[in-house]
Amino acid sequence: MASQGRRPLVAGNWKMNGLRESVGTVEAVRRALSPQLAERIDVLICPPSTLIASCVAAAEGSSIAIGGQNLHAKPSGAFTGSISAEMLADLGARYVIVGHSERRAYHNETDDGVHAKALAARRAGLCGIICVGETREEREEGRTLDIVRAQLAIGVPKGATGADTVIAYEPVWAIGTGLTPTPADVAEVHASLREMLGQLIGAEAQAVRILYGGSVKPGNARELMAVENVDGALVGGASLVADDFLGIAAAYAD
């Protein structure tokens, strides 16, 4: 439940999915997104980097923003295969996902690395979506809050604001599994993250949006989006299908 003047954000992460024909999904979302809903929420789609320019063109003139899924902390250099924040901005991206659990797990990204990338996003004028989340083992050990607060404490740059930073809570065990925490579980984590943000950046913490991600679907979106301190969703697989993505965004339709 977005509050304190925070505008809900519904973001889609396509991950390593999509060919040129997938740009049609952006066009479909654009056609079907009602003006009334577009006035209430921000909509973001993060395709693979190969499609960013095409998706920016497809979204031109609409309220839909396009973002990147990852970046290198340096603005340029001998980093074969990497893409910088400046390159993303040059393509027309406005956001970038930082420290997604899949980057942490499969590419050994650290909290310090996440911090550096969040600073890079700010440097290029992008809004960084900083991801935090616990594994199933960490949850079963009762360490969820300790884990996400520690990730937040290191990852969030000094002076972060609601304009350049979004937080996404993604319980690792819920991503792509069909499992979701209870609304009470989500409320507990988001409240703890909000409190931790207050320690890190003071009153500005009330302006930073905290998204929930992890098997968000049209069928559970309304219940999850109604939770206190949930300011939107970071959607994985469901964002690849325009109707499903719009079905999640419709949680804010009334």
C-alpha atoms as a PDB file:
ATOM      1  CA  MET A   1       0.000   0.000   0.000  1.00  0.00           C
ATOM      2  CA  ALA A   2       1.841   3.083  -1.242  1.00  0.00           C
ATOM      3  CA  SER A   3       1.604   5.968   1.200  1.00  0.00           C
ATOM      4  CA  GLN A   4       3.425   9.146   2.246  1.00  0.00           C
ATOM      5  CA  GLY A   5       2.977  10.434  -1.296  1.00  0.00           C
ATOM      6  CA  ARG A   6       4.870   7.537  -2.873  1.00  0.00           C
ATOM      7  CA  ARG A   7       3.652   6.755  -6.373  1.00  0.00           C
ATOM      8  CA  PRO A   8       3.287   2.987  -6.990  1.00  0.00           C
ATOM      9  CA  LEU A   9       5.723   1.414  -9.449  1.00  0.00           C
ATOM     10  CA  VAL A  10       4.943  -1.788 -11.337  1.00  0.00           C
ATOM     11  CA  ALA A  11       8.145  -3.014 -12.987  1.00  0.00           C
ATOM     12  CA  GLY A  12       8.682  -5.963 -15.299  1.00  0.00           C
ATOM     13  CA  ASN A  13      11.994  -7.835 -15.450  1.00  0.00           C
ATOM     14  CA  TRP A  14      12.163  -9.896 -18.637  1.00  0.00           C
ATOM     15  CA  LYS A  15      15.471 -11.485 -17.569  1.00  0.00           C
ATOM     16  CA  MET A  16      17.227 -13.338 -20.434  1.00  0.00           C
ATOM     17  CA  ASN A  17      14.084 -13.596 -22.509  1.00  0.00           C
ATOM     18  CA  GLY A  18      12.988 -11.814 -25.647  1.00  0.00           C
ATOM     19  CA  LEU A  19      13.852 -11.435 -29.308  1.00  0.00           C
ATOM     20  CA  ARG A  20      12.963  -8.544 -31.615  1.00  0.00           C
ATOM     21  CA  GLU A  21       9.375  -9.728 -31.904  1.00  0.00           C
ATOM     22  CA  SER A  22       9.037  -9.305 -28.124  1.00  0.00           C
ATOM     23  CA  VAL A  23       8.941  -5.542 -28.575  1.00  0.00           C
ATOM     24  CA  GLY A  24       5.311  -6.221 -29.432  1.00  0.00           C
ATOM     25  CA  THR A  25       4.712  -6.816 -25.718  1.00  0.00           C
ATOM     26  CA  VAL A  26       5.624  -3.207 -24.971  1.00  0.00           C
ATOM     27  CA  GLU A  27       3.313  -2.071 -27.742  1.00  0.00           C
ATOM     28  CA  ALA A  28       0.512  -4.246 -26.344  1.00  0.00           C
ATOM     29  CA  VAL A  29       0.962  -2.828 -22.840  1.00  0.00           C
ATOM     30  CA  ARG A  30       0.964   0.676 -24.269  1.00  0.00           C
ATOM     31  CA  ARG A  31      -2.284   0.103 -26.157  1.00  0.00           C
ATOM     32  CA  ALA A  32      -4.088  -1.489 -23.216  1.00  0.00           C
ATOM     33  CA  LEU A  33      -2.847   0.716 -20.354  1.00  0.00           C
ATOM     34  CA  SER A  34      -5.767   2.954 -19.514  1.00  0.00           C
ATOM     35  CA  PRO A  35      -5.159   6.692 -19.086  1.00  0.00           C
ATOM     36  CA  GLN A  36      -6.763   6.488 -15.650  1.00  0.00           C
ATOM     37  CA  LEU A  37      -4.323   3.813 -14.461  1.00  0.00           C
ATOM     38  CA  ALA A  38      -1.365   5.582 -16.065  1.00  0.00           C
ATOM     39  CA  GLU A  39      -2.225   8.638 -13.966  1.00  0.00           C
ATOM     40  CA  ARG A  40      -2.036   6.577 -10.758  1.00  0.00           C
ATOM     41  CA  ILE A  41       1.096   4.470 -11.197  1.00  0.00           C
ATOM     42  CA  ASP A  42       4.482   4.290 -12.883  1.00  0.00           C
ATOM     43  CA  VAL A  43       5.006   1.406 -15.298  1.00  0.00           C
ATOM     44  CA  LEU A  44       8.478   0.104 -16.114  1.00  0.00           C
ATOM     45  CA  ILE A  45       9.700  -2.670 -18.414  1.00  0.00           C
ATOM     46  CA  CYS A  46      13.283  -3.947 -18.217  1.00  0.00           C
ATOM     47  CA  PRO A  47      14.061  -6.008 -21.331  1.00  0.00           C
ATOM     48  CA  PRO A  48      17.454  -7.534 -22.155  1.00  0.00           C
ATOM     49  CA  SER A  49      19.976  -4.909 -23.273  1.00  0.00           C
ATOM     50  CA  THR A  50      19.654  -6.004 -26.909  1.00  0.00           C
ATOM     51  CA  LEU A  51      16.062  -4.720 -26.928  1.00  0.00           C
ATOM     52  CA  ILE A  52      16.345  -1.532 -24.880  1.00  0.00           C
ATOM     53  CA  ALA A  53      16.570   0.873 -27.819  1.00  0.00           C
ATOM     54  CA  SER A  54      13.686  -0.823 -29.655  1.00  0.00           C
ATOM     55  CA  CYS A  55      11.537  -0.844 -26.509  1.00  0.00           C
ATOM     56  CA  VAL A  56      12.291   2.835 -25.872  1.00  0.00           C
ATOM     57  CA  ALA A  57      11.096   3.578 -29.391  1.00  0.00           C
ATOM     58  CA  ALA A  58       7.970   1.477 -28.852  1.00  0.00           C
ATOM     59  CA  ALA A  59       7.164   3.308 -25.612  1.00  0.00           C
ATOM     60  CA  GLU A  60       7.870   6.803 -26.960  1.00  0.00           C
ATOM     61  CA  GLY A  61       5.087   9.247 -26.226  1.00  0.00           C
ATOM     62  CA  SER A  62       3.619   7.040 -23.482  1.00  0.00           C
ATOM     63  CA  SER A  63       4.135   6.960 -19.727  1.00  0.00           C
ATOM     64  CA  ILE A  64       5.914   3.585 -19.903  1.00  0.00           C
ATOM     65  CA  ALA A  65       9.564   3.722 -18.826  1.00  0.00           C
ATOM     66  CA  ILE A  66      12.254   1.333 -20.032  1.00  0.00           C
ATOM     67  CA  GLY A  67      15.146   0.139 -17.881  1.00  0.00           C
ATOM     68  CA  GLY A  68      18.187  -2.117 -17.815  1.00  0.00           C
ATOM     69  CA  GLN A  69      18.695  -5.328 -15.862  1.00  0.00           C
ATOM     70  CA  ASN A  70      22.322  -4.840 -14.859  1.00  0.00           C
ATOM     71  CA  LEU A  71      25.300  -2.548 -15.351  1.00  0.00           C
ATOM     72  CA  HIS A  72      29.027  -2.246 -14.783  1.00  0.00           C
ATOM     73  CA  ALA A  73      30.147   0.208 -12.103  1.00  0.00           C
ATOM     74  CA  LYS A  74      32.706   1.900 -14.374  1.00  0.00           C
ATOM     75  CA  PRO A  75      31.629   4.385 -17.063  1.00  0.00           C
ATOM     76  CA  SER A  76      33.878   2.813 -19.693  1.00  0.00           C
ATOM     77  CA  GLY A  77      36.971   0.656 -20.116  1.00  0.00           C
ATOM     78  CA  ALA A  78      38.320  -2.756 -20.987  1.00  0.00           C
ATOM     79  CA  PHE A  79      35.379  -4.747 -19.646  1.00  0.00           C
ATOM     80  CA  THR A  80      34.398  -6.962 -22.553  1.00  0.00           C
ATOM     81  CA  GLY A  81      30.710  -7.830 -22.637  1.00  0.00           C
ATOM     82  CA  SER A  82      29.689  -5.278 -20.007  1.00  0.00           C
ATOM     83  CA  ILE A  83      27.401  -2.273 -20.302  1.00  0.00           C
ATOM     84  CA  SER A  84      27.767   0.947 -18.328  1.00  0.00           C
ATOM     85  CA  ALA A  85      25.142   3.159 -16.766  1.00  0.00           C
ATOM     86  CA  GLU A  86      26.005   5.840 -19.300  1.00  0.00           C
ATOM     87  CA  MET A  87      25.386   3.403 -22.152  1.00  0.00           C
ATOM     88  CA  LEU A  88      21.990   2.498 -20.711  1.00  0.00           C
ATOM     89  CA  ALA A  89      21.074   6.160 -20.355  1.00  0.00           C
ATOM     90  CA  ASP A  90      22.255   6.825 -23.903  1.00  0.00           C
ATOM     91  CA  LEU A  91      19.794   4.180 -25.137  1.00  0.00           C
ATOM     92  CA  GLY A  92      16.955   5.932 -23.333  1.00  0.00           C
ATOM     93  CA  ALA A  93      16.762   3.784 -20.203  1.00  0.00           C
ATOM     94  CA  ARG A  94      15.564   5.530 -17.060  1.00  0.00           C
ATOM     95  CA  TYR A  95      15.988   2.775 -14.465  1.00  0.00           C
ATOM     96  CA  VAL A  96      18.343  -0.148 -13.877  1.00  0.00           C
ATOM     97  CA  ILE A  97      18.025  -3.221 -11.653  1.00  0.00           C
ATOM     98  CA  VAL A  98      20.959  -3.591  -9.255  1.00  0.00           C
ATOM     99  CA  GLY A  99      21.947  -6.716  -7.326  1.00  0.00           C
ATOM    100  CA  HIS A 100      19.146  -9.043  -8.398  1.00  0.00           C
ATOM    101  CA  SER A 101      19.370 -12.371  -6.576  1.00  0.00           C
ATOM    102  CA  GLU A 102      20.220 -14.147  -9.829  1.00  0.00           C
ATOM    103  CA  ARG A 103      23.184 -11.808 -10.313  1.00  0.00           C
ATOM    104  CA  ARG A 104      24.259 -12.457  -6.727  1.00  0.00           C
ATOM    105  CA  ALA A 105      23.880 -16.235  -7.063  1.00  0.00           C
ATOM    106  CA  TYR A 106      25.186 -16.868 -10.581  1.00  0.00           C
ATOM    107  CA  HIS A 107      27.691 -14.031 -10.957  1.00  0.00           C
ATOM    108  CA  ASN A 108      28.944 -13.749  -7.373  1.00  0.00           C
ATOM    109  CA  GLU A 109      27.854 -10.143  -6.931  1.00  0.00           C
ATOM    110  CA  THR A 110      28.568  -8.777  -3.470  1.00  0.00           C
ATOM    111  CA  ASP A 111      26.881  -6.110  -1.379  1.00  0.00           C
ATOM    112  CA  ASP A 112      29.887  -3.857  -1.976  1.00  0.00           C
ATOM    113  CA  GLY A 113      29.493  -4.414  -5.702  1.00  0.00           C
ATOM    114  CA  VAL A 114      25.816  -3.547  -5.470  1.00  0.00           C
ATOM    115  CA  HIS A 115      26.751  -0.307  -3.702  1.00  0.00           C
ATOM    116  CA  ALA A 116      29.192   0.584  -6.493  1.00  0.00           C
ATOM    117  CA  LYS A 117      26.588  -0.122  -9.161  1.00  0.00           C
ATOM    118  CA  ALA A 118      23.957   1.949  -7.361  1.00  0.00           C
ATOM    119  CA  LEU A 119      26.410   4.856  -7.320  1.00  0.00           C
ATOM    120  CA  ALA A 120      27.039   4.328 -11.034  1.00  0.00           C
ATOM    121  CA  ALA A 121      23.317   4.439 -11.761  1.00  0.00           C
ATOM    122  CA  ARG A 122      23.051   7.755  -9.919  1.00  0.00           C
ATOM    123  CA  ARG A 123      26.105   9.083 -11.780  1.00  0.00           C
ATOM    124  CA  ALA A 124      24.335   8.534 -15.109  1.00  0.00           C
ATOM    125  CA  GLY A 125      20.999   9.912 -13.952  1.00  0.00           C
ATOM    126  CA  LEU A 126      19.322   6.515 -13.690  1.00  0.00           C
ATOM    127  CA  CYS A 127      17.125   5.308 -10.846  1.00  0.00           C
ATOM    128  CA  GLY A 128      18.660   2.180  -9.331  1.00  0.00           C
ATOM    129  CA  ILE A 129      16.341  -0.608  -8.174  1.00  0.00           C
ATOM    130  CA  ILE A 130      18.377  -2.239  -5.410  1.00  0.00           C
ATOM    131  CA  CYS A 131      17.303  -5.837  -4.757  1.00  0.00           C
ATOM    132  CA  VAL A 132      17.521  -7.595  -1.394  1.00  0.00           C
ATOM    133  CA  GLY A 133      16.242 -10.975  -0.265  1.00  0.00           C
ATOM    134  CA  GLU A 134      16.905 -14.126   1.721  1.00  0.00           C
ATOM    135  CA  THR A 135      17.284 -17.770   0.719  1.00  0.00           C
ATOM    136  CA  ARG A 136      15.001 -20.496   2.019  1.00  0.00           C
ATOM    137  CA  GLU A 137      17.728 -21.711   4.376  1.00  0.00           C
ATOM    138  CA  GLU A 138      18.179 -18.211   5.796  1.00  0.00           C
ATOM    139  CA  ARG A 139      14.429 -17.865   6.300  1.00  0.00           C
ATOM    140  CA  GLU A 140      14.172 -21.239   8.031  1.00  0.00           C
ATOM    141  CA  GLU A 141      17.008 -20.192  10.332  1.00  0.00           C
ATOM    142  CA  GLY A 142      15.031 -17.078  11.288  1.00  0.00           C
ATOM    143  CA  ARG A 143      17.589 -14.723   9.745  1.00  0.00           C
ATOM    144  CA  THR A 144      15.410 -12.989   7.149  1.00  0.00           C
ATOM    145  CA  LEU A 145      15.466  -9.536   8.710  1.00  0.00           C
ATOM    146  CA  ASP A 146      19.168  -9.715   9.527  1.00  0.00           C
ATOM    147  CA  ILE A 147      19.997 -10.668   5.941  1.00  0.00           C
ATOM    148  CA  VAL A 148      17.920  -8.036   4.162  1.00  0.00           C
ATOM    149  CA  ARG A 149      18.929  -5.268   6.559  1.00  0.00           C
ATOM    150  CA  ALA A 150      22.605  -6.107   6.090  1.00  0.00           C
ATOM    151  CA  GLN A 151      22.206  -6.090   2.302  1.00  0.00           C
ATOM    152  CA  LEU A 152      20.438  -2.748   2.513  1.00  0.00           C
ATOM    153  CA  ALA A 153      22.983  -1.216   4.882  1.00  0.00           C
ATOM    154  CA  ILE A 154      25.842  -1.838   2.468  1.00  0.00           C
ATOM    155  CA  GLY A 155      24.027  -1.525  -0.845  1.00  0.00           C
ATOM    156  CA  VAL A 156      22.280   1.824  -0.401  1.00  0.00           C
ATOM    157  CA  PRO A 157      24.578   4.767  -1.176  1.00  0.00           C
ATOM    158  CA  LYS A 158      24.865   7.716   1.150  1.00  0.00           C
ATOM    159  CA  GLY A 159      22.475  10.459   0.151  1.00  0.00           C
ATOM    160  CA  ALA A 160      20.060   8.160  -1.658  1.00  0.00           C
ATOM    161  CA  THR A 161      16.715   9.763  -2.458  1.00  0.00           C
ATOM    162  CA  GLY A 162      13.309   8.704  -3.636  1.00  0.00           C
ATOM    163  CA  ALA A 163      14.208  10.072  -7.066  1.00  0.00           C
ATOM    164  CA  ASP A 164      17.307   7.925  -7.612  1.00  0.00           C
ATOM    165  CA  THR A 165      16.640   4.817  -5.526  1.00  0.00           C
ATOM    166  CA  VAL A 166      14.007   2.088  -5.327  1.00  0.00           C
ATOM    167  CA  ILE A 167      14.290  -0.990  -3.101  1.00  0.00           C
ATOM    168  CA  ALA A 168      12.918  -4.371  -4.177  1.00  0.00           C
ATOM    169  CA  TYR A 169      12.389  -7.147  -1.651  1.00  0.00           C
ATOM    170  CA  GLU A 170      12.600 -10.481  -3.437  1.00  0.00           C
ATOM    171  CA  PRO A 171      12.665 -13.563  -1.232  1.00  0.00           C
ATOM    172  CA  VAL A 172      14.987 -15.809  -3.231  1.00  0.00           C
ATOM    173  CA  TRP A 173      12.963 -18.920  -2.443  1.00  0.00           C
ATOM    174  CA  ALA A 174       9.842 -17.358  -3.995  1.00  0.00           C
ATOM    175  CA  ILE A 175      11.330 -16.303  -7.342  1.00  0.00           C
ATOM    176  CA  GLY A 176       9.941 -18.483 -10.107  1.00  0.00           C
ATOM    177  CA  THR A 177       8.732 -21.149  -7.676  1.00  0.00           C
ATOM    178  CA  GLY A 178       5.090 -20.188  -7.363  1.00  0.00           C
ATOM    179  CA  LEU A 179       5.615 -19.791  -3.615  1.00  0.00           C
ATOM    180  CA  THR A 180       4.943 -16.481  -1.888  1.00  0.00           C
ATOM    181  CA  PRO A 181       5.300 -15.243   1.680  1.00  0.00           C
ATOM    182  CA  THR A 182       2.114 -14.408   3.523  1.00  0.00           C
ATOM    183  CA  PRO A 183       1.008 -10.766   3.526  1.00  0.00           C
ATOM    184  CA  ALA A 184       2.031 -10.655   7.202  1.00  0.00           C
ATOM    185  CA  ASP A 185       5.525 -11.860   6.303  1.00  0.00           C
ATOM    186  CA  VAL A 186       5.820  -9.238   3.578  1.00  0.00           C
ATOM    187  CA  ALA A 187       4.570  -6.520   5.928  1.00  0.00           C
ATOM    188  CA  GLU A 188       7.183  -7.454   8.522  1.00  0.00           C
ATOM    189  CA  VAL A 189      10.053  -7.315   6.044  1.00  0.00           C
ATOM    190  CA  HIS A 190       8.945  -4.098   4.353  1.00  0.00           C
ATOM    191  CA  ALA A 191       8.449  -2.368   7.707  1.00  0.00           C
ATOM    192  CA  SER A 192      11.942  -3.425   8.755  1.00  0.00           C
ATOM    193  CA  LEU A 193      13.401  -2.171   5.470  1.00  0.00           C
ATOM    194  CA  ARG A 194      11.623   1.160   5.882  1.00  0.00           C
ATOM    195  CA  GLU A 195      12.999   1.481   9.411  1.00  0.00           C
ATOM    196  CA  MET A 196      16.506   0.603   8.215  1.00  0.00           C
ATOM    197  CA  LEU A 197      16.264   3.165   5.443  1.00  0.00           C
ATOM    198  CA  GLY A 198      15.423   5.731   8.097  1.00  0.00           C
ATOM    199  CA  GLN A 199      18.674   4.915   9.863  1.00  0.00           C
ATOM    200  CA  LEU A 200      20.611   5.204   6.608  1.00  0.00           C
ATOM    201  CA  ILE A 201      19.115   8.274   4.931  1.00  0.00           C
ATOM    202  CA  GLY A 202      16.870   9.914   7.513  1.00  0.00           C
ATOM    203  CA  ALA A 203      13.551  11.471   6.571  1.00  0.00           C
ATOM    204  CA  GLU A 204      14.149  10.778   2.874  1.00  0.00           C
ATOM    205  CA  ALA A 205      13.373   7.125   3.654  1.00  0.00           C
ATOM    206  CA  GLN A 206       9.689   7.970   3.465  1.00  0.00           C
ATOM    207  CA  ALA A 207      10.096   8.927  -0.209  1.00  0.00           C
ATOM    208  CA  VAL A 208      11.854   5.722  -1.301  1.00  0.00           C
ATOM    209  CA  ARG A 209       9.580   3.128  -2.852  1.00  0.00           C
ATOM    210  CA  ILE A 210       9.882  -0.487  -1.681  1.00  0.00           C
ATOM    211  CA  LEU A 211       8.618  -3.056  -4.185  1.00  0.00           C
ATOM    212  CA  TYR A 212       7.707  -6.661  -3.561  1.00  0.00           C
ATOM    213  CA  GLY A 213       8.906  -9.312  -6.016  1.00  0.00           C
ATOM    214  CA  GLY A 214       8.661 -13.084  -6.049  1.00  0.00           C
ATOM    215  CA  SER A 215       5.956 -15.008  -7.937  1.00  0.00           C
ATOM    216  CA  VAL A 216       3.678 -11.984  -8.280  1.00  0.00           C
ATOM    217  CA  LYS A 217       0.688 -12.855 -10.468  1.00  0.00           C
ATOM    218  CA  PRO A 218      -2.637 -11.238 -11.365  1.00  0.00           C
ATOM    219  CA  GLY A 219      -4.307 -13.557  -8.854  1.00  0.00           C
ATOM    220  CA  ASN A 220      -2.276 -12.443  -5.826  1.00  0.00           C
ATOM    221  CA  ALA A 221      -1.264  -8.902  -6.815  1.00  0.00           C
ATOM    222  CA  ARG A 222      -4.158  -7.064  -5.195  1.00  0.00           C
ATOM    223  CA  GLU A 223      -3.587  -8.716  -1.816  1.00  0.00           C
ATOM    224  CA  LEU A 224       0.179  -8.128  -1.920  1.00  0.00           C
ATOM    225  CA  MET A 225      -0.068  -4.546  -3.162  1.00  0.00           C
ATOM    226  CA  ALA A 226      -2.448  -3.726  -0.303  1.00  0.00           C
ATOM    227  CA  VAL A 227       0.234  -4.506   2.311  1.00  0.00           C
ATOM    228  CA  GLU A 228       1.584  -1.539   4.269  1.00  0.00           C
ATOM    229  CA  ASN A 229       4.890  -0.223   2.860  1.00  0.00           C
ATOM    230  CA  VAL A 230       4.490  -2.147  -0.404  1.00  0.00           C
ATOM    231  CA  ASP A 231       4.808   0.504  -3.100  1.00  0.00           C
ATOM    232  CA  GLY A 232       4.494  -1.735  -6.135  1.00  0.00           C
ATOM    233  CA  ALA A 233       5.926  -4.893  -7.635  1.00  0.00           C
ATOM    234  CA  LEU A 234       8.996  -6.180  -9.438  1.00  0.00           C
ATOM    235  CA  VAL A 235       7.494  -8.799 -11.737  1.00  0.00           C
ATOM    236  CA  GLY A 236       9.428 -11.611 -13.392  1.00  0.00           C
ATOM    237  CA  GLY A 237       7.852 -14.186 -15.697  1.00  0.00           C
ATOM    238  CA  ALA A 238       4.399 -12.624 -15.670  1.00  0.00           C
ATOM    239  CA  SER A 239       5.803  -9.458 -17.253  1.00  0.00           C
ATOM    240  CA  LEU A 240       6.527 -11.349 -20.476  1.00  0.00           C
ATOM    241  CA  VAL A 241       2.798 -11.575 -21.204  1.00  0.00           C
ATOM    242  CA  ALA A 242       1.081  -8.237 -21.654  1.00  0.00           C
ATOM    243  CA  ASP A 243      -2.265  -9.392 -20.235  1.00  0.00           C
ATOM    244  CA  ASP A 244      -0.631 -10.842 -17.114  1.00  0.00           C
ATOM    245  CA  PHE A 245       1.513  -7.772 -16.540  1.00  0.00           C
ATOM    246  CA  LEU A 246      -1.481  -5.495 -16.964  1.00  0.00           C
ATOM    247  CA  GLY A 247      -3.473  -7.771 -14.667  1.00  0.00           C
ATOM    248  CA  ILE A 248      -0.921  -7.099 -11.931  1.00  0.00           C
ATOM    249  CA  ALA A 249      -0.932  -3.366 -12.600  1.00  0.00           C
ATOM    250  CA  ALA A 250      -4.739  -3.490 -12.336  1.00  0.00           C
ATOM    251  CA  ALA A 251      -4.312  -4.025  -8.589  1.00  0.00           C
ATOM    252  CA  TYR A 252      -4.175  -0.207  -8.527  1.00  0.00           C
ATOM    253  CA  ALA A 253      -7.158   0.313 -10.799  1.00  0.00           C
ATOM    254  CA  ASP A 254      -9.493   1.330  -7.976  1.00  0.00           C
END
